[in-house]
N, C-alpha and C. Protein backbone atom coordinates (compact mmCIF):
# COMPACT_ATOMS: atom_id res chain seq x y z
N UNK A 1 71.33 164.08 55.31
CA UNK A 1 70.97 163.55 56.61
C UNK A 1 69.58 164.09 56.99
N UNK A 2 68.76 163.22 57.54
CA UNK A 2 67.41 163.59 57.94
C UNK A 2 67.43 164.52 59.14
N UNK A 3 66.49 165.44 59.17
CA UNK A 3 66.35 166.36 60.30
C UNK A 3 65.02 166.09 60.99
N UNK A 4 64.97 166.40 62.25
CA UNK A 4 63.75 166.19 63.03
C UNK A 4 63.40 167.46 63.79
N UNK A 5 62.14 167.80 63.79
CA UNK A 5 61.64 168.93 64.57
C UNK A 5 61.05 168.38 65.86
N UNK A 6 61.42 168.97 66.97
CA UNK A 6 60.86 168.59 68.27
C UNK A 6 59.83 169.64 68.65
N UNK A 7 58.59 169.21 68.90
CA UNK A 7 57.52 170.13 69.26
C UNK A 7 57.01 169.80 70.65
N UNK A 8 56.77 170.82 71.44
CA UNK A 8 56.23 170.64 72.78
C UNK A 8 55.05 171.59 72.95
N UNK A 9 53.99 171.09 73.57
CA UNK A 9 52.82 171.91 73.80
C UNK A 9 52.42 171.76 75.27
N UNK A 10 52.42 172.86 76.01
CA UNK A 10 52.01 172.84 77.41
C UNK A 10 50.85 173.82 77.57
N UNK A 11 49.78 173.35 78.19
CA UNK A 11 48.62 174.21 78.40
C UNK A 11 48.21 174.16 79.87
N UNK A 12 47.84 175.29 80.40
CA UNK A 12 47.24 175.35 81.73
C UNK A 12 45.86 175.98 81.54
N UNK A 13 44.83 175.18 81.70
CA UNK A 13 43.47 175.63 81.45
C UNK A 13 42.58 175.32 82.64
N UNK A 14 41.61 176.19 82.89
CA UNK A 14 40.66 175.95 83.97
C UNK A 14 39.81 174.74 83.64
N UNK A 15 39.44 173.98 84.67
CA UNK A 15 38.58 172.82 84.47
C UNK A 15 37.80 172.53 85.74
N UNK A 16 36.87 171.60 85.66
CA UNK A 16 36.06 171.21 86.82
C UNK A 16 36.36 169.78 87.26
N UNK A 17 37.49 169.24 86.82
CA UNK A 17 37.86 167.86 87.14
C UNK A 17 38.44 167.77 88.55
N UNK A 18 38.49 166.57 89.07
CA UNK A 18 39.06 166.33 90.40
C UNK A 18 40.58 166.49 90.36
N UNK A 19 41.14 166.98 91.45
CA UNK A 19 42.59 167.14 91.57
C UNK A 19 43.23 165.76 91.51
N UNK A 20 44.36 165.68 90.81
CA UNK A 20 45.06 164.39 90.68
C UNK A 20 46.46 164.49 91.24
N UNK A 21 46.95 163.37 91.76
CA UNK A 21 48.28 163.32 92.36
C UNK A 21 49.36 162.86 91.39
N UNK A 22 48.93 162.29 90.27
CA UNK A 22 49.89 161.78 89.30
C UNK A 22 49.35 161.99 87.89
N UNK A 23 50.24 161.99 86.90
CA UNK A 23 49.80 162.18 85.52
C UNK A 23 48.86 161.07 85.06
N UNK A 24 47.87 161.46 84.27
CA UNK A 24 46.90 160.52 83.71
C UNK A 24 47.04 160.56 82.20
N UNK A 25 47.16 159.38 81.58
CA UNK A 25 47.29 159.33 80.13
C UNK A 25 45.95 159.68 79.48
N UNK A 26 46.02 160.49 78.45
CA UNK A 26 44.85 160.93 77.71
C UNK A 26 44.67 160.11 76.44
N UNK A 27 43.52 160.22 75.81
CA UNK A 27 43.24 159.46 74.59
C UNK A 27 44.20 159.80 73.46
N UNK A 28 44.72 161.02 73.45
CA UNK A 28 45.63 161.43 72.37
C UNK A 28 47.07 161.02 72.62
N UNK A 29 47.32 160.29 73.72
CA UNK A 29 48.67 159.85 74.04
C UNK A 29 49.43 160.79 74.95
N UNK A 30 48.88 161.97 75.18
CA UNK A 30 49.51 162.92 76.10
C UNK A 30 49.14 162.58 77.55
N UNK A 31 49.65 163.36 78.47
CA UNK A 31 49.36 163.16 79.88
C UNK A 31 48.89 164.48 80.48
N UNK A 32 48.09 164.40 81.52
CA UNK A 32 47.62 165.62 82.18
C UNK A 32 47.52 165.39 83.69
N UNK A 33 47.53 166.49 84.41
CA UNK A 33 47.29 166.49 85.86
C UNK A 33 46.38 167.67 86.16
N UNK A 34 45.60 167.54 87.22
CA UNK A 34 44.73 168.63 87.65
C UNK A 34 45.24 169.11 89.01
N UNK A 35 45.45 170.42 89.11
CA UNK A 35 45.95 171.01 90.35
C UNK A 35 44.94 172.03 90.88
N UNK A 36 45.12 172.39 92.12
CA UNK A 36 44.22 173.36 92.75
C UNK A 36 44.52 174.78 92.25
N UNK A 37 43.59 175.67 92.49
CA UNK A 37 43.82 177.08 92.12
C UNK A 37 45.00 177.64 92.91
N UNK A 38 45.12 177.22 94.16
CA UNK A 38 46.23 177.66 95.00
C UNK A 38 47.57 177.28 94.36
N UNK A 39 47.67 176.04 93.90
CA UNK A 39 48.90 175.59 93.24
C UNK A 39 49.09 176.26 91.88
N UNK A 40 47.99 176.57 91.22
CA UNK A 40 48.06 177.16 89.88
C UNK A 40 48.64 178.58 89.88
N UNK A 41 48.63 179.23 91.03
CA UNK A 41 49.20 180.59 91.10
C UNK A 41 50.61 180.60 91.68
N UNK A 42 51.13 179.42 91.96
CA UNK A 42 52.49 179.29 92.48
C UNK A 42 53.42 178.84 91.36
N UNK A 43 54.41 179.64 91.05
CA UNK A 43 55.33 179.28 89.96
C UNK A 43 56.05 177.96 90.27
N UNK A 44 56.42 177.75 91.52
CA UNK A 44 57.12 176.52 91.89
C UNK A 44 56.22 175.29 91.74
N UNK A 45 54.97 175.41 92.18
CA UNK A 45 54.03 174.28 92.07
C UNK A 45 53.68 174.01 90.60
N UNK A 46 53.49 175.07 89.83
CA UNK A 46 53.21 174.89 88.40
C UNK A 46 54.39 174.23 87.69
N UNK A 47 55.58 174.71 87.97
CA UNK A 47 56.76 174.14 87.34
C UNK A 47 56.90 172.66 87.70
N UNK A 48 56.73 172.33 88.95
CA UNK A 48 56.83 170.94 89.40
C UNK A 48 55.79 170.07 88.69
N UNK A 49 54.57 170.56 88.61
CA UNK A 49 53.50 169.80 87.96
C UNK A 49 53.76 169.64 86.47
N UNK A 50 54.22 170.68 85.82
CA UNK A 50 54.52 170.60 84.39
C UNK A 50 55.63 169.57 84.14
N UNK A 51 56.68 169.63 84.93
CA UNK A 51 57.77 168.67 84.76
C UNK A 51 57.32 167.25 85.07
N UNK A 52 56.52 167.09 86.11
CA UNK A 52 56.01 165.77 86.49
C UNK A 52 55.10 165.21 85.39
N UNK A 53 54.31 166.07 84.77
CA UNK A 53 53.41 165.64 83.71
C UNK A 53 54.16 165.41 82.40
N UNK A 54 55.18 166.20 82.17
CA UNK A 54 55.94 166.09 80.92
C UNK A 54 56.78 164.82 80.84
N UNK A 55 57.27 164.35 81.97
CA UNK A 55 58.18 163.21 81.96
C UNK A 55 57.61 161.99 81.24
N UNK A 56 56.41 161.49 81.60
CA UNK A 56 55.90 160.32 80.87
C UNK A 56 55.61 160.63 79.41
N UNK A 57 55.26 161.86 79.11
CA UNK A 57 55.01 162.25 77.72
C UNK A 57 56.32 162.18 76.93
N UNK A 58 57.38 162.68 77.51
CA UNK A 58 58.70 162.66 76.86
C UNK A 58 59.15 161.22 76.64
N UNK A 59 59.03 160.39 77.67
CA UNK A 59 59.45 158.99 77.55
C UNK A 59 58.67 158.26 76.46
N UNK A 60 57.38 158.50 76.41
CA UNK A 60 56.54 157.87 75.40
C UNK A 60 56.93 158.32 74.00
N UNK A 61 57.14 159.62 73.83
CA UNK A 61 57.52 160.16 72.53
C UNK A 61 58.88 159.63 72.08
N UNK A 62 59.83 159.57 73.01
CA UNK A 62 61.16 159.04 72.67
C UNK A 62 61.08 157.57 72.27
N UNK A 63 60.32 156.81 73.00
CA UNK A 63 60.17 155.39 72.70
C UNK A 63 59.57 155.20 71.30
N UNK A 64 58.52 155.94 71.03
CA UNK A 64 57.87 155.86 69.72
C UNK A 64 58.83 156.28 68.61
N UNK A 65 59.54 157.37 68.82
CA UNK A 65 60.48 157.87 67.83
C UNK A 65 61.60 156.86 67.56
N UNK A 66 62.22 156.37 68.62
CA UNK A 66 63.35 155.45 68.45
C UNK A 66 62.92 154.12 67.84
N UNK A 67 61.72 153.67 68.15
CA UNK A 67 61.19 152.46 67.51
C UNK A 67 61.03 152.70 66.01
N UNK A 68 60.48 153.85 65.66
CA UNK A 68 60.30 154.18 64.24
C UNK A 68 61.62 154.30 63.50
N UNK A 69 62.60 154.94 64.12
CA UNK A 69 63.92 155.09 63.49
C UNK A 69 64.58 153.73 63.32
N UNK A 70 64.47 152.89 64.33
CA UNK A 70 65.05 151.56 64.27
C UNK A 70 64.42 150.73 63.15
N UNK A 71 63.11 150.80 63.04
CA UNK A 71 62.41 150.05 61.98
C UNK A 71 62.76 150.60 60.60
N UNK A 72 62.94 151.91 60.52
CA UNK A 72 63.28 152.55 59.25
C UNK A 72 64.67 152.09 58.79
N UNK A 73 65.61 152.00 59.72
CA UNK A 73 66.98 151.59 59.38
C UNK A 73 67.06 150.11 59.03
N UNK A 74 66.26 149.28 59.68
CA UNK A 74 66.33 147.84 59.42
C UNK A 74 65.45 147.42 58.24
N UNK A 75 64.59 148.32 57.81
CA UNK A 75 63.63 147.99 56.75
C UNK A 75 64.06 148.38 55.42
């Protein structure tokens, strides 16, 4: 039976971009949000932002994975 490794990468890095209210899709297929320094030092705000940003990334990865598995089984 085939096995699959699930990998997750979360980064919080300083930037000079404008603060965003919702996740923005990046060229690599991931999503990002920009938060204030005030929010960046709050564990609750960071956690909320990470989860909010991760959700579309997770959905996209699952969709891509399940499409590939489905094509593999039917092909």
